[in-house]
Amino acid sequence: MRPAVTKNNQRRGLKSTKLKTEENRSGHFKRLLAVLGGMLLHVVSWMLFVSALLGGLAGYIDPEVWAAPSLLCLLLPYLWLGTLVVGLLWWFVAKSKLFAIGAGVVLLACLPAIFTLSPVSLPGEPEAGERTFKVLTFNALYCGDVENPDADYSRSLSHIIHSGADVVCLQEQYNLDNTVSIGKATREQVDSVTSIYPYQVNNTKLDIMLLSKYPVRVKHVAYPEQMNFFMYQSYEIDIKGLPLTILNVHMPSYTLSEGEREILDKINNGSFVESFMELRGSILNKMSVAFAIRARAAQSIVNYVRKTKGPLIICGDFNDVPGSWAYRKIRSTGLRDAYCDAGFGPMVTYNLHHMYFHIDQILYRGPIRAIEVSRGNMRSSDHYPVMARFAIEAPVEN
């Protein structure tokens, strides 16, 4: 019987050895996965932190030198929130102070850009003796209706008629009568607009238009043909005793084709990998070029603003978000942002192709104060209309 017992013991020993070997291999494999996972987490974390930092500092990095930060600036809200979540995970779960502190540094560095994108101001009221006026800016897309192309009236014009604005700056609109002839608006609507705004300035070359309740004088027209549809026109208007210069601006766009916009739709609908490969080529190149052109366009506006004296408002379709190089460059002339002064939380002004950005701006300077900023909600155009209410500060009595 002893040989049988010995063989059984040998078999048990072999099984035990095999089990230990398999356990060792499994342990090594798990440790390897843990190491690789940790390395991947470190790399992803640092990539996220660097991307958020570049996006937050994009206003200080010339896109003609390096365009990547300008692209990341468009994604800054998501990058900032991602950095916040990852930083908290490193602090409370992974117990890594180094990465948590790194995330904190990035979050603090990006705060100025974040508060420009999502301010924490509240609407105000005019003080005793202050007069008020309203300025509306709207890329009207020729007063058509993207949601209802067959409509025989214009929701865009209806909004303007009922807005109560004193001055309306339109982009992608040059002639109201033309909207009637092509069936996008009714004659009654155009007549109503004309009765409210008897002073109108249009320019077929510029594709921008001004409507005003007060007399208007054109001061300057800019249409640099080498800048990809960049245009602006400045006007002099006396509003309730305040001589005011207004710049109606349409900054260069990305000029994406309909097919390229569909690629962006696919990405937002979940088809990320294959669509991103398509995105890498033409779209990124076009966006990089557009950032650089807008940098030159912003410098053109800066040069004009510095030569112009007195109260001034710049409004229009900037095709760029707060915190970008072009936006910061123009504000560096001493301009305030109406939405930063009277708005709360993020605001979206572009609404098609899942590209929900705040690209329509109202900037100002002088003895005026933004006390309210509102946005229309109808989607007749690919942009929402934005209106600011200003208080004309009463002179201080000695």
Protein backbone atom coordinates (compact mmCIF):
# COMPACT_ATOMS: atom_id res chain seq x y z
CA MET A 1 0.00 0.00 0.00
CA ARG A 2 2.87 2.39 0.58
CA PRO A 3 3.78 2.81 -3.12
CA ALA A 4 0.16 3.86 -3.87
CA VAL A 5 0.24 6.37 -1.02
CA THR A 6 3.55 7.71 -2.26
CA LYS A 7 2.17 8.15 -5.80
CA ASN A 8 -0.88 9.96 -4.45
CA ASN A 9 1.34 12.26 -2.44
CA GLN A 10 3.45 12.93 -5.52
CA ARG A 11 0.34 13.75 -7.54
CA ARG A 12 -0.86 16.09 -4.81
CA GLY A 13 2.58 17.72 -4.73
CA LEU A 14 2.59 18.20 -8.48
CA LYS A 15 -0.91 19.72 -8.40
CA SER A 16 0.11 21.98 -5.54
CA THR A 17 3.21 23.08 -7.44
CA LYS A 18 1.17 23.77 -10.59
CA LEU A 19 -1.38 25.76 -8.57
CA LYS A 20 1.37 27.80 -6.96
CA THR A 21 2.98 28.39 -10.36
CA GLU A 22 -0.34 29.50 -11.83
CA GLU A 23 -1.00 31.71 -8.83
CA ASN A 24 2.45 33.26 -9.21
CA ARG A 25 1.85 33.85 -12.92
CA SER A 26 -1.58 35.34 -12.17
CA GLY A 27 -0.06 37.50 -9.47
CA HIS A 28 2.69 38.71 -11.81
CA PHE A 29 0.11 39.42 -14.52
CA LYS A 30 -2.10 41.36 -12.12
CA ARG A 31 0.88 43.35 -10.85
CA LEU A 32 1.91 44.05 -14.45
CA LEU A 33 -1.63 45.25 -15.26
CA ALA A 34 -1.60 47.41 -12.14
CA VAL A 35 1.74 48.94 -13.12
CA LEU A 36 0.62 49.55 -16.71
CA GLY A 37 -2.72 50.92 -15.51
CA GLY A 38 -0.97 53.24 -13.09
CA MET A 39 1.39 54.45 -15.81
CA LEU A 40 -1.54 55.03 -18.16
CA LEU A 41 -3.42 56.93 -15.47
CA HIS A 42 -0.36 59.10 -14.84
CA VAL A 43 0.07 59.84 -18.55
CA VAL A 44 -3.63 60.60 -19.10
CA SER A 45 -3.71 62.84 -16.03
CA TRP A 46 -0.72 64.88 -17.14
CA MET A 47 -2.10 65.14 -20.68
CA LEU A 48 -5.39 66.41 -19.28
CA PHE A 49 -3.63 68.90 -17.00
CA VAL A 50 -1.42 70.24 -19.80
CA SER A 51 -4.35 70.49 -22.22
CA ALA A 52 -6.46 72.40 -19.70
CA LEU A 53 -3.56 74.73 -18.89
CA LEU A 54 -2.92 75.50 -22.57
CA GLY A 55 -6.62 76.09 -23.14
CA GLY A 56 -6.80 78.42 -20.15
CA LEU A 57 -3.77 80.41 -21.31
CA ALA A 58 -4.74 80.47 -25.01
CA GLY A 59 -5.40 84.20 -24.81
CA TYR A 60 -1.68 84.74 -24.29
CA ILE A 61 -0.40 82.42 -27.03
CA ASP A 62 -0.46 83.82 -30.56
CA PRO A 63 -2.19 81.27 -32.86
CA GLU A 64 0.03 82.43 -35.71
CA VAL A 65 2.87 80.88 -33.70
CA TRP A 66 1.02 77.88 -32.26
CA ALA A 67 -2.66 77.14 -32.96
CA ALA A 68 -3.18 74.16 -30.62
CA PRO A 69 -3.97 76.27 -27.50
CA SER A 70 -6.68 78.13 -29.42
CA LEU A 71 -8.30 74.82 -30.30
CA LEU A 72 -8.08 73.65 -26.69
CA CYS A 73 -9.64 76.94 -25.57
CA LEU A 74 -12.87 75.85 -27.30
CA LEU A 75 -12.88 72.76 -25.04
CA LEU A 76 -11.79 74.57 -21.86
CA PRO A 77 -15.00 74.08 -19.82
CA TYR A 78 -14.80 70.31 -20.32
CA LEU A 79 -11.04 70.19 -19.73
CA TRP A 80 -11.40 72.25 -16.55
CA LEU A 81 -14.17 70.05 -15.16
CA GLY A 82 -12.19 66.93 -16.11
CA THR A 83 -9.15 68.28 -14.27
CA LEU A 84 -11.30 68.98 -11.21
CA VAL A 85 -12.70 65.42 -11.15
CA VAL A 86 -9.30 63.77 -11.72
CA GLY A 87 -7.69 65.98 -9.08
CA LEU A 88 -10.30 64.95 -6.52
CA LEU A 89 -9.76 61.27 -7.41
CA TRP A 90 -6.02 61.61 -6.93
CA TRP A 91 -6.53 63.29 -3.55
CA PHE A 92 -9.26 61.11 -2.04
CA VAL A 93 -8.86 57.76 -3.82
CA ALA A 94 -5.27 57.39 -5.02
CA LYS A 95 -3.89 59.46 -2.10
CA SER A 96 -1.37 61.20 -4.36
CA LYS A 97 -0.73 64.74 -3.19
CA LEU A 98 1.60 65.48 -6.12
CA PHE A 99 -1.07 64.96 -8.78
CA ALA A 100 -3.78 66.57 -6.66
CA ILE A 101 -1.62 69.68 -6.18
CA GLY A 102 -0.80 69.68 -9.90
CA ALA A 103 -4.51 69.64 -10.69
CA GLY A 104 -5.08 72.47 -8.21
CA VAL A 105 -2.40 74.63 -9.85
CA VAL A 106 -3.98 74.10 -13.27
CA LEU A 107 -7.47 74.88 -11.97
CA LEU A 108 -6.29 78.14 -10.40
CA ALA A 109 -4.33 79.17 -13.51
CA CYS A 110 -7.45 78.67 -15.64
CA LEU A 111 -9.84 80.54 -13.33
CA PRO A 112 -9.57 83.94 -15.12
CA ALA A 113 -10.55 82.31 -18.43
CA ILE A 114 -13.30 80.27 -16.72
CA PHE A 115 -14.84 83.36 -15.12
CA THR A 116 -14.78 85.06 -18.52
CA LEU A 117 -16.65 82.10 -20.02
CA SER A 118 -18.95 81.72 -17.04
CA PRO A 119 -19.14 84.97 -15.04
CA VAL A 120 -20.87 85.30 -11.69
CA SER A 121 -22.35 88.77 -12.08
CA LEU A 122 -26.01 89.67 -11.70
CA PRO A 123 -28.21 92.11 -13.64
CA GLY A 124 -28.49 95.57 -12.16
CA GLU A 125 -30.74 98.61 -12.32
CA PRO A 126 -29.98 102.16 -13.39
CA GLU A 127 -29.25 104.58 -10.61
CA ALA A 128 -31.12 107.83 -10.10
CA GLY A 129 -30.53 110.19 -13.02
CA GLU A 130 -29.12 107.52 -15.37
CA ARG A 131 -30.59 107.05 -18.84
CA THR A 132 -30.58 103.62 -20.47
CA PHE A 133 -30.39 102.21 -23.98
CA LYS A 134 -30.23 98.75 -25.56
CA VAL A 135 -27.93 97.33 -28.24
CA LEU A 136 -28.80 94.08 -30.03
CA THR A 137 -26.32 92.03 -32.04
CA PHE A 138 -27.49 89.19 -34.25
CA ASN A 139 -26.00 87.08 -37.03
CA ALA A 140 -29.38 86.77 -38.75
CA LEU A 141 -28.36 84.40 -41.58
CA TYR A 142 -30.26 86.59 -44.07
CA CYS A 143 -33.42 86.37 -41.95
CA GLY A 144 -34.12 82.82 -43.07
CA ASP A 145 -35.26 80.02 -40.78
CA VAL A 146 -33.02 76.97 -40.39
CA GLU A 147 -35.73 75.10 -38.47
CA ASN A 148 -38.51 75.91 -40.94
CA PRO A 149 -37.01 76.80 -44.33
CA ASP A 150 -40.43 77.04 -45.98
CA ALA A 151 -41.78 79.68 -43.58
CA ASP A 152 -43.22 82.74 -45.33
CA TYR A 153 -42.41 85.10 -42.48
CA SER A 154 -39.22 85.81 -40.53
CA ARG A 155 -38.96 84.91 -36.86
CA SER A 156 -35.69 86.85 -36.83
CA LEU A 157 -37.41 90.07 -37.88
CA SER A 158 -40.23 89.42 -35.41
CA HIS A 159 -37.66 89.19 -32.62
CA ILE A 160 -36.06 92.47 -33.70
CA ILE A 161 -39.45 94.22 -33.89
CA HIS A 162 -40.35 93.21 -30.33
CA SER A 163 -36.85 93.51 -28.82
CA GLY A 164 -37.07 97.13 -27.74
CA ALA A 165 -33.47 97.68 -28.86
CA ASP A 166 -32.33 101.19 -29.70
CA VAL A 167 -29.60 99.98 -32.06
CA VAL A 168 -29.45 96.65 -33.92
CA CYS A 169 -26.20 95.35 -35.42
CA LEU A 170 -26.81 92.58 -37.95
CA GLN A 171 -24.30 90.25 -39.57
CA GLU A 172 -25.03 88.16 -42.68
CA GLN A 173 -27.77 90.62 -43.57
CA TYR A 174 -27.50 93.58 -45.94
CA ASN A 175 -30.96 94.42 -47.29
CA LEU A 176 -34.38 93.94 -45.71
CA ASP A 177 -36.28 94.40 -48.98
CA ASN A 178 -34.38 91.44 -50.39
CA THR A 179 -35.85 89.18 -47.66
CA VAL A 180 -39.33 89.98 -49.01
CA SER A 181 -38.42 89.34 -52.65
CA ILE A 182 -37.05 85.87 -51.85
CA GLY A 183 -39.99 85.02 -49.59
CA LYS A 184 -38.21 84.95 -46.22
CA ALA A 185 -40.18 87.83 -44.68
CA THR A 186 -43.43 89.69 -45.22
CA ARG A 187 -43.76 93.25 -46.41
CA GLU A 188 -45.57 94.07 -43.15
CA GLN A 189 -42.56 92.90 -41.14
CA VAL A 190 -40.12 94.99 -43.15
CA ASP A 191 -42.40 98.05 -42.91
CA SER A 192 -42.63 97.56 -39.13
CA VAL A 193 -38.85 97.41 -38.83
CA THR A 194 -38.51 100.56 -40.95
CA SER A 195 -41.04 102.44 -38.83
CA ILE A 196 -39.19 101.50 -35.62
CA TYR A 197 -35.71 102.02 -37.07
CA PRO A 198 -35.89 104.84 -39.64
CA TYR A 199 -32.09 105.11 -39.81
CA GLN A 200 -30.56 102.14 -41.61
CA VAL A 201 -27.09 101.51 -43.01
CA ASN A 202 -26.53 98.55 -45.30
CA ASN A 203 -23.65 97.45 -47.44
CA THR A 204 -23.95 94.61 -49.95
CA LYS A 205 -20.20 94.08 -49.98
CA LEU A 206 -19.90 93.79 -46.22
CA ASP A 207 -22.99 91.66 -45.52
CA ILE A 208 -23.56 93.65 -42.34
CA MET A 209 -26.31 96.11 -41.50
CA LEU A 210 -27.22 98.61 -38.81
CA LEU A 211 -30.71 99.62 -37.67
CA SER A 212 -31.08 102.64 -35.41
CA LYS A 213 -33.72 104.81 -33.80
CA TYR A 214 -31.25 107.69 -33.91
CA PRO A 215 -29.40 109.44 -36.76
CA VAL A 216 -26.28 107.57 -37.90
CA ARG A 217 -23.06 108.65 -39.54
CA VAL A 218 -20.73 106.05 -41.07
CA LYS A 219 -17.19 106.62 -39.81
CA HIS A 220 -15.11 103.77 -41.20
CA VAL A 221 -15.44 100.66 -43.35
CA ALA A 222 -12.97 97.77 -43.30
CA TYR A 223 -12.99 94.83 -45.68
CA PRO A 224 -9.47 93.35 -45.98
CA GLU A 225 -9.96 90.81 -48.76
CA GLN A 226 -6.94 88.80 -47.71
CA MET A 227 -8.57 88.06 -44.34
CA ASN A 228 -11.28 85.59 -45.37
CA PHE A 229 -14.50 87.62 -45.04
CA PHE A 230 -13.36 89.69 -42.08
CA MET A 231 -15.30 92.94 -42.04
CA TYR A 232 -16.43 95.70 -39.77
CA GLN A 233 -18.09 99.06 -40.06
CA SER A 234 -18.07 101.84 -37.49
CA TYR A 235 -20.83 104.37 -36.95
CA GLU A 236 -21.28 107.51 -34.91
CA ILE A 237 -24.63 107.75 -33.12
CA ASP A 238 -25.87 110.25 -30.54
CA ILE A 239 -27.97 108.20 -28.12
CA LYS A 240 -29.87 110.29 -25.59
CA GLY A 241 -27.13 112.91 -25.53
CA LEU A 242 -24.23 110.42 -25.54
CA PRO A 243 -21.98 110.59 -28.64
CA LEU A 244 -21.15 106.93 -29.21
CA THR A 245 -19.01 105.00 -31.69
CA ILE A 246 -20.35 101.52 -32.53
CA LEU A 247 -18.37 98.87 -34.40
CA ASN A 248 -20.41 96.17 -36.12
CA VAL A 249 -17.99 93.26 -36.54
CA HIS A 250 -18.00 89.95 -38.38
CA MET A 251 -14.76 88.09 -37.74
CA PRO A 252 -13.47 85.35 -40.08
CA SER A 253 -15.15 81.98 -39.71
CA TYR A 254 -13.76 78.45 -40.03
CA THR A 255 -15.38 78.10 -43.51
CA LEU A 256 -16.22 74.45 -42.88
CA SER A 257 -18.11 72.67 -45.63
CA GLU A 258 -21.40 70.91 -44.95
CA GLY A 259 -19.60 67.56 -45.11
CA GLU A 260 -17.05 68.68 -42.53
CA ARG A 261 -19.83 69.90 -40.24
CA GLU A 262 -21.43 66.46 -40.55
CA ILE A 263 -18.18 64.93 -39.28
CA LEU A 264 -18.47 67.07 -36.16
CA ASP A 265 -22.06 65.85 -35.77
CA LYS A 266 -20.84 62.24 -35.93
CA ILE A 267 -18.27 62.89 -33.19
CA ASN A 268 -20.90 64.40 -30.92
CA ASN A 269 -23.21 61.47 -31.65
CA GLY A 270 -20.64 58.94 -30.48
CA SER A 271 -18.79 57.91 -33.68
CA PHE A 272 -15.56 59.28 -32.27
CA VAL A 273 -12.70 57.12 -33.49
CA GLU A 274 -13.43 56.91 -37.22
CA SER A 275 -14.68 60.50 -37.35
CA PHE A 276 -11.62 61.80 -35.52
CA MET A 277 -9.39 60.40 -38.24
CA GLU A 278 -11.41 62.43 -40.75
CA LEU A 279 -11.24 65.44 -38.45
CA ARG A 280 -7.46 65.40 -38.24
CA GLY A 281 -7.01 66.55 -41.81
CA SER A 282 -8.97 69.30 -43.45
CA ILE A 283 -10.98 70.49 -40.46
CA LEU A 284 -8.04 70.99 -38.11
CA ASN A 285 -6.08 72.72 -40.86
CA LYS A 286 -8.98 75.08 -41.57
CA MET A 287 -9.42 75.85 -37.90
CA SER A 288 -5.71 76.58 -37.47
CA VAL A 289 -5.78 78.96 -40.43
CA ALA A 290 -8.92 80.66 -39.08
CA PHE A 291 -7.32 81.22 -35.67
CA ALA A 292 -4.33 82.88 -37.34
CA ILE A 293 -6.50 85.07 -39.59
CA ARG A 294 -8.62 86.18 -36.62
CA ALA A 295 -5.42 87.14 -34.80
CA ARG A 296 -4.60 89.54 -37.64
CA ALA A 297 -8.21 90.74 -37.77
CA ALA A 298 -8.13 91.45 -34.04
CA GLN A 299 -4.98 93.53 -34.51
CA SER A 300 -6.77 95.54 -37.21
CA ILE A 301 -9.60 96.29 -34.77
CA VAL A 302 -7.13 97.13 -32.00
CA ASN A 303 -5.40 99.66 -34.25
CA TYR A 304 -8.72 101.35 -35.02
CA VAL A 305 -9.91 101.35 -31.39
CA ARG A 306 -6.70 102.97 -30.20
CA LYS A 307 -7.18 105.82 -32.70
CA THR A 308 -10.83 106.33 -31.77
CA LYS A 309 -11.68 108.63 -28.90
CA GLY A 310 -14.70 108.59 -26.63
CA PRO A 311 -17.34 106.03 -25.66
CA LEU A 312 -17.33 102.94 -27.84
CA ILE A 313 -19.18 99.63 -28.26
CA ILE A 314 -17.90 96.69 -30.32
CA CYS A 315 -20.40 93.96 -31.01
CA GLY A 316 -20.97 91.19 -33.49
CA ASP A 317 -20.03 87.67 -34.51
CA PHE A 318 -16.45 87.18 -33.30
CA ASN A 319 -16.39 83.48 -34.28
CA ASP A 320 -14.23 83.04 -31.19
CA VAL A 321 -14.91 82.38 -27.52
CA PRO A 322 -14.10 84.54 -24.50
CA GLY A 323 -10.58 83.75 -23.39
CA SER A 324 -9.27 83.33 -26.94
CA TRP A 325 -6.32 85.29 -28.35
CA ALA A 326 -8.49 87.50 -30.57
CA TYR A 327 -10.94 88.26 -27.75
CA ARG A 328 -8.21 89.09 -25.24
CA LYS A 329 -6.31 91.16 -27.81
CA ILE A 330 -9.33 93.37 -28.48
CA ARG A 331 -10.15 93.70 -24.76
CA SER A 332 -6.55 94.70 -24.04
CA THR A 333 -7.43 98.18 -25.32
CA GLY A 334 -9.37 98.78 -22.11
CA LEU A 335 -12.73 97.36 -23.14
CA ARG A 336 -15.14 95.67 -20.75
CA ASP A 337 -17.31 92.67 -21.58
CA ALA A 338 -21.03 93.35 -21.13
CA TYR A 339 -21.75 89.70 -20.30
CA CYS A 340 -18.94 89.53 -17.74
CA ASP A 341 -20.37 92.63 -16.05
CA ALA A 342 -24.05 91.63 -16.08
CA GLY A 343 -24.28 87.90 -16.81
CA PHE A 344 -24.29 84.74 -14.73
CA GLY A 345 -23.11 81.31 -15.82
CA PRO A 346 -22.18 80.08 -19.30
CA MET A 347 -24.00 81.39 -22.37
CA VAL A 348 -24.25 79.71 -25.78
CA THR A 349 -24.76 81.90 -28.85
CA TYR A 350 -24.09 79.38 -31.66
CA ASN A 351 -26.51 76.48 -31.92
CA LEU A 352 -25.87 74.21 -34.93
CA HIS A 353 -23.85 70.99 -35.40
CA HIS A 354 -23.45 70.50 -31.64
CA MET A 355 -20.93 73.36 -31.64
CA TYR A 356 -22.38 75.13 -28.61
CA PHE A 357 -20.08 78.10 -28.16
CA HIS A 358 -20.33 81.70 -26.97
CA ILE A 359 -18.96 83.49 -30.04
CA ASP A 360 -21.13 86.63 -30.23
CA GLN A 361 -19.72 89.39 -28.05
CA ILE A 362 -20.57 92.90 -26.84
CA LEU A 363 -17.59 94.91 -25.55
CA TYR A 364 -17.59 98.54 -24.45
CA ARG A 365 -15.86 101.47 -22.78
CA GLY A 366 -16.76 104.98 -21.63
CA PRO A 367 -19.22 106.47 -19.13
CA ILE A 368 -21.67 103.61 -19.63
CA ARG A 369 -22.32 100.45 -17.63
CA ALA A 370 -23.80 97.13 -18.73
CA ILE A 371 -26.69 96.33 -16.38
CA GLU A 372 -28.35 93.46 -18.22
CA VAL A 373 -27.55 90.98 -20.99
CA SER A 374 -30.20 88.70 -22.48
CA ARG A 375 -30.25 86.09 -25.23
CA GLY A 376 -33.11 85.16 -27.54
CA ASN A 377 -34.03 81.48 -27.69
CA MET A 378 -35.53 81.02 -31.15
CA ARG A 379 -33.38 79.05 -33.59
CA SER A 380 -34.23 80.75 -36.84
CA SER A 381 -30.53 81.41 -37.44
CA ASP A 382 -27.47 79.39 -36.50
CA HIS A 383 -26.79 82.15 -33.94
CA TYR A 384 -28.93 83.40 -31.09
CA PRO A 385 -29.52 87.17 -30.81
CA VAL A 386 -27.79 88.84 -27.86
CA MET A 387 -28.87 92.15 -26.34
CA ALA A 388 -27.21 94.35 -23.72
CA ARG A 389 -28.88 97.10 -21.74
CA PHE A 390 -26.58 99.97 -20.78
CA ALA A 391 -26.91 102.76 -18.24
CA ILE A 392 -25.42 106.13 -19.15
CA GLU A 393 -23.68 107.19 -15.99
CA ALA A 394 -24.79 110.54 -14.66
CA PRO A 395 -22.01 113.16 -14.42
CA VAL A 396 -20.61 113.63 -10.94
CA GLU A 397 -21.54 117.02 -9.50
CA ASN A 398 -18.75 118.92 -7.77
